[in-house]
Amino acid sequence: MLKQILAKLPRKSSKSDTLDSAGSNSGNNTFNLGSGFQFANSCNVVVSARLNVVKRMSSAIFPSSNTTGVEMAEPHASFNDVPNSEKQNLFKLVDFVGSGSAKFTEAAIASMCKMCAANLFRDFPSKCRSYSARGETEDEEPMFDPAWSHLQLVYDLLFRFISYSSLDVKEPRLAGTVIKGLLKYWPVTSSQKELMFLSELEELLEKMNIAEFEKIMVPVFRRVGCCLTSYHFQVAERAHFLWNNDQILNLIMQNRQVILPLVFPALQRNTQGHWHHTVFNLTQNVRKMFYEVDEELVLACQGKFEEEDSKSSVAAERRRLTWERLETTAAFQPAVCTVTC
């Protein structure tokens, strides 16, 4: 009986088998790496479209570590083994872009973006670390990504490219696209990130013209209305500070017929009692601005808010009575569950 149990246990492979398998895998992975990546002088990176080829190359460059073993697996094909000619191409590109005399065409810009995306958007290597029998010590050397010596050049090239003086610093027509991206990924669960997003939003709105502003003002001030009533007082304050910007205030007042109905419910709730005194005062100031500019519009929004509030109160009371009837009925007629097989 004992022999049968021991026979089912996996046998520990010998060192020679491990070395042989590692050597064979190393040769295969090196071949896949060499056939998978090709760097050209025009910054084009040719990557195989098949998913299995991508997986083989990623496993060759960033092999998964053995979490239970004593020794950590070394990368089969390090970026140090990349031919010097390919690294020299990157060095030349960095020097060329850094010279300040380069002129980029549309095709060159597209190729640059494609090359950076192919190199930088990748899976990170495993963070698993090996532990010796005596444990981890303070003198242990830090572990670095084996691809960093190569990727550092790509990051340097991208930084020099986006900060190049001949490129347009800001394109006003792209502000709407950027703002839509901010709204799509708005960090509703992180107050500190919301503060950063509000600061970036103010910077973008400040540089927009009236035509571009009108395209995105509805989703923007729906989000701003949510921020005005935030329980985090810094987020609520930062949202109110948009009205302190003269450029943004001018855009808001020109489109107050659309914007005020979006933010008035938030302002009214704050007026009814926000827990933070500073936010309460800021809300009063914003209401006063709108009241001085268009008193009739403020009164119309207030009447609509009171009407909707009364409707919601009636609906809430109706739901409460319905639940009371259900609870009373259930108390006199307890449910009987009959289970049949």
Foldseek 3Di string as FASTA:
>chain_A
DVVVVVVPDDDDDDPVVVVVVLVVLLVVLVVLQVVAWDQDLLLATHGDPDPVSVVSNCCQAAPAFDQPDQDTDDRSDFPVPDDVVRVVSLVVLLCVLVVLPDDDDPVSVVSLVNNLCVPPPDDAHDPRDHAHPVGDDPPDDDDDRSCCVVVVSSVSSVVSVLPRPVDDVDDLLCLLVVLVVCLVPPCPPDPVVLLVSLVVNLVSQLPHDLVSCVVCVQSVLLVLLVQCQDLPVVSNVSSLCSCVDPSSVVSCLVVVLRRCLNNVVSLVVVCVPRPDPVSNVSSVVVLVVCCVSCVPSSVVSVVVNVVVVVVVVVVVVVVVVVVVVVVVVCVVPPDDDDDDD
